[in-house]
Amino acid sequence: MPIKKILVVDDSATERHVLVTLLEGKGYTIVTANNGEEGVAAAKRELPDLILMDVVMPGMNGYQATRTISRDDATKHIPVIMCTSKDQETDKIWGMRQGALDYMVKPVDPTALLAKLATL
């Protein structure tokens, strides 16, 4: 199934803007959420084809939100790519154990992200 609608979950307005600008410029429909709680709600409401999830956010962090999304029958089919400044191997392993499909370190390389989206 081609990726058309992407949910971007990040508490940084700058990071959201960068991703939205990049992805909308390539023809994707983008929905945004400012934190983990909003991300979980938006995932259920919008049923996007993919979620780009930050980790460090107030309240529910990206690991918790990914775990919630990946274990809910309504949203568990939605792939999650974690996009975060947490760059340790243990962070990546933990993210994947929460249900993430992939893990990218910020600043996200636009070429690498678009290539990854093209393979899904």
N, C-alpha and C. Protein backbone atom coordinates (compact mmCIF):
# COMPACT_ATOMS: atom_id res chain seq x y z
N MET A 1 0.85 -1.19 0.00
CA MET A 1 0.00 0.00 0.00
C MET A 1 0.89 1.24 0.00
N PRO A 2 0.73 2.10 -0.99
CA PRO A 2 1.57 3.30 -1.02
C PRO A 2 1.23 4.25 0.14
N ILE A 3 2.26 4.95 0.58
CA ILE A 3 2.10 5.91 1.66
C ILE A 3 1.53 7.21 1.06
N LYS A 4 0.39 7.65 1.60
CA LYS A 4 -0.22 8.90 1.13
C LYS A 4 -0.38 9.89 2.28
N LYS A 5 -0.89 9.40 3.41
CA LYS A 5 -1.14 10.26 4.57
C LYS A 5 -0.17 9.91 5.69
N ILE A 6 0.54 10.95 6.19
CA ILE A 6 1.54 10.76 7.23
C ILE A 6 1.19 11.62 8.44
N LEU A 7 1.25 11.01 9.61
CA LEU A 7 1.06 11.72 10.87
C LEU A 7 2.44 12.05 11.43
N VAL A 8 2.71 13.34 11.66
CA VAL A 8 3.96 13.79 12.25
C VAL A 8 3.67 14.18 13.70
N VAL A 9 4.31 13.48 14.65
CA VAL A 9 4.12 13.74 16.07
C VAL A 9 5.42 14.28 16.63
N ASP A 10 5.42 15.57 17.00
CA ASP A 10 6.63 16.21 17.52
C ASP A 10 6.22 17.45 18.29
N ASP A 11 6.82 17.66 19.47
CA ASP A 11 6.48 18.84 20.26
C ASP A 11 7.21 20.09 19.77
N SER A 12 8.16 19.95 18.86
CA SER A 12 8.89 21.10 18.32
C SER A 12 8.19 21.63 17.07
N ALA A 13 7.73 22.87 17.14
CA ALA A 13 7.08 23.48 15.98
C ALA A 13 8.04 23.54 14.80
N THR A 14 9.31 23.77 15.07
CA THR A 14 10.32 23.84 14.01
C THR A 14 10.47 22.50 13.31
N GLU A 15 10.59 21.43 14.09
CA GLU A 15 10.73 20.09 13.51
C GLU A 15 9.48 19.72 12.69
N ARG A 16 8.30 20.02 13.24
CA ARG A 16 7.06 19.73 12.50
C ARG A 16 7.07 20.48 11.17
N HIS A 17 7.44 21.76 11.22
CA HIS A 17 7.45 22.59 10.02
C HIS A 17 8.40 22.02 8.95
N VAL A 18 9.59 21.63 9.37
CA VAL A 18 10.57 21.08 8.43
C VAL A 18 10.02 19.82 7.76
N LEU A 19 9.47 18.91 8.57
CA LEU A 19 8.94 17.66 8.01
C LEU A 19 7.71 17.91 7.14
N VAL A 20 6.81 18.77 7.60
CA VAL A 20 5.60 19.07 6.83
C VAL A 20 5.97 19.69 5.48
N THR A 21 6.89 20.65 5.49
CA THR A 21 7.30 21.31 4.25
C THR A 21 7.92 20.31 3.27
N LEU A 22 8.82 19.47 3.78
CA LEU A 22 9.47 18.46 2.95
C LEU A 22 8.45 17.50 2.35
N LEU A 23 7.59 16.95 3.21
CA LEU A 23 6.67 15.89 2.77
C LEU A 23 5.53 16.41 1.92
N GLU A 24 4.97 17.57 2.28
CA GLU A 24 3.91 18.14 1.43
C GLU A 24 4.46 18.49 0.05
N GLY A 25 5.73 18.92 0.01
CA GLY A 25 6.37 19.23 -1.26
C GLY A 25 6.52 18.02 -2.16
N LYS A 26 6.47 16.84 -1.57
CA LYS A 26 6.56 15.60 -2.33
C LYS A 26 5.19 14.96 -2.55
N GLY A 27 4.12 15.68 -2.19
CA GLY A 27 2.77 15.22 -2.49
C GLY A 27 2.07 14.43 -1.40
N TYR A 28 2.69 14.30 -0.23
CA TYR A 28 2.05 13.58 0.88
C TYR A 28 1.04 14.48 1.58
N THR A 29 -0.01 13.90 2.11
CA THR A 29 -0.95 14.60 2.97
C THR A 29 -0.44 14.45 4.39
N ILE A 30 -0.34 15.57 5.12
CA ILE A 30 0.26 15.55 6.45
C ILE A 30 -0.75 15.96 7.51
N VAL A 31 -0.76 15.22 8.60
CA VAL A 31 -1.52 15.54 9.80
C VAL A 31 -0.47 15.67 10.90
N THR A 32 -0.66 16.63 11.82
CA THR A 32 0.33 16.81 12.89
C THR A 32 -0.29 16.66 14.27
N ALA A 33 0.57 16.34 15.22
CA ALA A 33 0.19 16.29 16.64
C ALA A 33 1.38 16.83 17.43
N ASN A 34 1.06 17.52 18.54
CA ASN A 34 2.09 18.20 19.32
C ASN A 34 2.70 17.36 20.43
N ASN A 35 2.12 16.21 20.74
CA ASN A 35 2.64 15.38 21.83
C ASN A 35 2.11 13.95 21.67
N GLY A 36 2.55 13.08 22.56
CA GLY A 36 2.17 11.68 22.46
C GLY A 36 0.68 11.42 22.57
N GLU A 37 0.03 12.10 23.52
CA GLU A 37 -1.41 11.91 23.69
C GLU A 37 -2.17 12.30 22.43
N GLU A 38 -1.81 13.47 21.88
CA GLU A 38 -2.45 13.92 20.64
C GLU A 38 -2.14 12.97 19.49
N GLY A 39 -0.92 12.43 19.50
CA GLY A 39 -0.51 11.50 18.45
C GLY A 39 -1.34 10.23 18.45
N VAL A 40 -1.57 9.67 19.64
CA VAL A 40 -2.39 8.46 19.76
C VAL A 40 -3.81 8.75 19.29
N ALA A 41 -4.37 9.88 19.72
CA ALA A 41 -5.74 10.25 19.32
C ALA A 41 -5.82 10.47 17.81
N ALA A 42 -4.82 11.16 17.25
CA ALA A 42 -4.82 11.43 15.81
C ALA A 42 -4.66 10.14 15.01
N ALA A 43 -3.87 9.21 15.52
CA ALA A 43 -3.69 7.93 14.83
C ALA A 43 -5.03 7.20 14.73
N LYS A 44 -5.79 7.21 15.81
CA LYS A 44 -7.11 6.54 15.80
C LYS A 44 -8.11 7.27 14.91
N ARG A 45 -8.07 8.60 14.95
CA ARG A 45 -9.03 9.41 14.20
C ARG A 45 -8.71 9.43 12.70
N GLU A 46 -7.44 9.61 12.36
CA GLU A 46 -7.03 9.82 10.97
C GLU A 46 -6.64 8.54 10.23
N LEU A 47 -6.23 7.51 10.98
CA LEU A 47 -5.71 6.27 10.40
C LEU A 47 -4.73 6.54 9.26
N PRO A 48 -3.62 7.21 9.58
CA PRO A 48 -2.63 7.54 8.54
C PRO A 48 -1.94 6.27 8.03
N ASP A 49 -1.24 6.40 6.91
CA ASP A 49 -0.50 5.28 6.34
C ASP A 49 0.84 5.08 7.05
N LEU A 50 1.32 6.13 7.75
CA LEU A 50 2.62 6.09 8.42
C LEU A 50 2.63 7.15 9.51
N ILE A 51 3.41 6.89 10.57
CA ILE A 51 3.59 7.88 11.64
C ILE A 51 5.07 8.14 11.82
N LEU A 52 5.45 9.42 11.84
CA LEU A 52 6.80 9.84 12.21
C LEU A 52 6.72 10.34 13.64
N MET A 53 7.39 9.67 14.56
CA MET A 53 7.21 9.90 16.00
C MET A 53 8.49 10.39 16.66
N ASP A 54 8.41 11.56 17.29
CA ASP A 54 9.49 12.05 18.14
C ASP A 54 9.49 11.21 19.42
N VAL A 55 10.58 11.25 20.18
CA VAL A 55 10.61 10.52 21.45
C VAL A 55 10.45 11.45 22.63
N VAL A 56 11.27 12.49 22.70
CA VAL A 56 11.29 13.36 23.88
C VAL A 56 10.20 14.42 23.75
N MET A 57 9.09 14.18 24.47
CA MET A 57 7.96 15.10 24.47
C MET A 57 7.38 15.13 25.88
N PRO A 58 6.74 16.25 26.25
CA PRO A 58 6.12 16.30 27.58
C PRO A 58 4.93 15.35 27.65
N GLY A 59 4.63 14.89 28.85
CA GLY A 59 3.52 13.95 29.03
C GLY A 59 3.93 12.59 28.48
N MET A 60 3.07 12.02 27.66
CA MET A 60 3.35 10.72 27.04
C MET A 60 4.49 10.87 26.04
N ASN A 61 5.60 10.16 26.26
CA ASN A 61 6.71 10.28 25.32
C ASN A 61 6.47 9.39 24.09
N GLY A 62 7.38 9.49 23.13
CA GLY A 62 7.22 8.76 21.88
C GLY A 62 7.27 7.25 22.03
N TYR A 63 8.07 6.77 22.99
CA TYR A 63 8.10 5.33 23.24
C TYR A 63 6.73 4.85 23.72
N GLN A 64 6.15 5.58 24.68
CA GLN A 64 4.84 5.21 25.22
C GLN A 64 3.76 5.29 24.14
N ALA A 65 3.80 6.35 23.34
CA ALA A 65 2.80 6.53 22.28
C ALA A 65 2.93 5.42 21.24
N THR A 66 4.15 5.09 20.87
CA THR A 66 4.37 4.02 19.88
C THR A 66 3.87 2.70 20.42
N ARG A 67 4.16 2.41 21.67
CA ARG A 67 3.69 1.17 22.29
C ARG A 67 2.16 1.12 22.28
N THR A 68 1.51 2.24 22.63
CA THR A 68 0.05 2.30 22.66
C THR A 68 -0.52 2.06 21.26
N ILE A 69 0.04 2.73 20.26
CA ILE A 69 -0.44 2.61 18.88
C ILE A 69 -0.21 1.19 18.36
N SER A 70 0.96 0.62 18.64
CA SER A 70 1.29 -0.69 18.08
C SER A 70 0.54 -1.84 18.76
N ARG A 71 -0.09 -1.57 19.90
CA ARG A 71 -0.83 -2.63 20.59
C ARG A 71 -2.35 -2.47 20.51
N ASP A 72 -2.81 -1.39 19.87
CA ASP A 72 -4.24 -1.15 19.73
C ASP A 72 -4.71 -1.76 18.41
N ASP A 73 -5.75 -2.58 18.46
CA ASP A 73 -6.24 -3.24 17.25
C ASP A 73 -6.58 -2.26 16.13
N ALA A 74 -7.03 -1.05 16.49
CA ALA A 74 -7.44 -0.06 15.48
C ALA A 74 -6.24 0.56 14.76
N THR A 75 -5.05 0.53 15.40
CA THR A 75 -3.90 1.26 14.84
C THR A 75 -2.64 0.41 14.68
N LYS A 76 -2.66 -0.84 15.11
CA LYS A 76 -1.42 -1.63 15.11
C LYS A 76 -0.87 -1.90 13.71
N HIS A 77 -1.67 -1.72 12.68
CA HIS A 77 -1.21 -1.92 11.30
C HIS A 77 -0.42 -0.72 10.76
N ILE A 78 -0.43 0.40 11.48
CA ILE A 78 0.22 1.63 11.00
C ILE A 78 1.71 1.59 11.37
N PRO A 79 2.59 1.64 10.37
CA PRO A 79 4.02 1.64 10.69
C PRO A 79 4.43 2.96 11.35
N VAL A 80 5.35 2.87 12.32
CA VAL A 80 5.87 4.03 13.03
C VAL A 80 7.37 4.10 12.79
N ILE A 81 7.84 5.26 12.36
CA ILE A 81 9.27 5.52 12.28
C ILE A 81 9.59 6.56 13.34
N MET A 82 10.46 6.22 14.26
CA MET A 82 10.85 7.16 15.30
C MET A 82 11.89 8.12 14.72
N CYS A 83 11.67 9.42 14.92
CA CYS A 83 12.59 10.47 14.47
C CYS A 83 12.96 11.27 15.71
N THR A 84 14.18 11.07 16.20
CA THR A 84 14.53 11.62 17.50
C THR A 84 16.00 12.00 17.59
N SER A 85 16.30 12.85 18.55
CA SER A 85 17.69 13.21 18.81
C SER A 85 18.39 12.16 19.66
N LYS A 86 17.65 11.21 20.20
CA LYS A 86 18.25 10.15 21.03
C LYS A 86 18.98 9.18 20.10
N ASP A 87 20.31 9.22 20.17
CA ASP A 87 21.10 8.53 19.16
C ASP A 87 21.89 7.32 19.66
N GLN A 88 21.62 6.88 20.87
CA GLN A 88 22.32 5.71 21.39
C GLN A 88 21.69 4.42 20.85
N GLU A 89 22.50 3.40 20.70
CA GLU A 89 22.01 2.11 20.20
C GLU A 89 20.90 1.56 21.11
N THR A 90 21.04 1.78 22.42
CA THR A 90 20.01 1.29 23.35
C THR A 90 18.68 2.01 23.13
N ASP A 91 18.73 3.30 22.75
CA ASP A 91 17.51 4.04 22.44
C ASP A 91 16.81 3.42 21.23
N LYS A 92 17.60 3.11 20.21
CA LYS A 92 17.04 2.52 18.99
C LYS A 92 16.42 1.15 19.30
N ILE A 93 17.15 0.33 20.04
CA ILE A 93 16.63 -1.00 20.39
C ILE A 93 15.33 -0.87 21.17
N TRP A 94 15.29 0.06 22.13
CA TRP A 94 14.07 0.25 22.93
C TRP A 94 12.92 0.71 22.04
N GLY A 95 13.20 1.62 21.12
CA GLY A 95 12.15 2.09 20.21
C GLY A 95 11.58 0.97 19.36
N MET A 96 12.46 0.12 18.87
CA MET A 96 12.00 -1.00 18.04
C MET A 96 11.20 -2.00 18.89
N ARG A 97 11.58 -2.17 20.14
CA ARG A 97 10.84 -3.08 21.02
C ARG A 97 9.45 -2.54 21.36
N GLN A 98 9.26 -1.23 21.23
CA GLN A 98 7.95 -0.64 21.49
C GLN A 98 7.02 -0.77 20.30
N GLY A 99 7.56 -1.22 19.16
CA GLY A 99 6.74 -1.43 17.98
C GLY A 99 7.11 -0.59 16.78
N ALA A 100 8.18 0.20 16.87
CA ALA A 100 8.59 1.02 15.74
C ALA A 100 9.12 0.14 14.61
N LEU A 101 8.83 0.55 13.39
CA LEU A 101 9.33 -0.13 12.20
C LEU A 101 10.78 0.25 11.93
N ASP A 102 11.10 1.53 12.23
CA ASP A 102 12.44 2.03 11.96
C ASP A 102 12.74 3.18 12.91
N TYR A 103 13.98 3.66 12.85
CA TYR A 103 14.46 4.66 13.80
C TYR A 103 15.44 5.57 13.08
N MET A 104 15.17 6.87 13.08
CA MET A 104 16.06 7.84 12.43
C MET A 104 16.46 8.91 13.45
N VAL A 105 17.72 9.32 13.37
CA VAL A 105 18.24 10.31 14.30
C VAL A 105 18.13 11.70 13.67
N LYS A 106 17.67 12.67 14.48
CA LYS A 106 17.58 14.07 14.04
C LYS A 106 18.98 14.69 14.04
N PRO A 107 19.22 15.65 13.19
CA PRO A 107 18.29 16.10 12.15
C PRO A 107 18.12 15.02 11.08
N VAL A 108 16.88 14.77 10.73
CA VAL A 108 16.57 13.72 9.77
C VAL A 108 17.09 14.14 8.39
N ASP A 109 17.81 13.23 7.75
CA ASP A 109 18.32 13.46 6.41
C ASP A 109 17.15 13.33 5.43
N PRO A 110 16.77 14.41 4.76
CA PRO A 110 15.60 14.37 3.87
C PRO A 110 15.69 13.29 2.80
N THR A 111 16.87 13.11 2.22
CA THR A 111 17.04 12.10 1.17
C THR A 111 16.82 10.70 1.73
N ALA A 112 17.37 10.44 2.92
CA ALA A 112 17.22 9.12 3.54
C ALA A 112 15.75 8.86 3.91
N LEU A 113 15.07 9.89 4.43
CA LEU A 113 13.67 9.73 4.79
C LEU A 113 12.82 9.44 3.56
N LEU A 114 13.01 10.21 2.50
CA LEU A 114 12.21 10.00 1.29
C LEU A 114 12.50 8.64 0.68
N ALA A 115 13.75 8.20 0.74
CA ALA A 115 14.10 6.86 0.22
C ALA A 115 13.40 5.78 1.03
N LYS A 116 13.36 5.97 2.36
CA LYS A 116 12.70 5.02 3.24
C LYS A 116 11.21 4.95 2.93
N LEU A 117 10.58 6.12 2.72
CA LEU A 117 9.16 6.16 2.40
C LEU A 117 8.86 5.46 1.08
N ALA A 118 9.77 5.59 0.14
CA ALA A 118 9.57 4.98 -1.18
C ALA A 118 9.60 3.46 -1.11
N THR A 119 10.26 2.90 -0.08
CA THR A 119 10.36 1.44 0.01
C THR A 119 9.18 0.83 0.77
N LEU A 120 8.37 1.65 1.42
CA LEU A 120 7.25 1.12 2.21
C LEU A 120 6.04 0.83 1.33
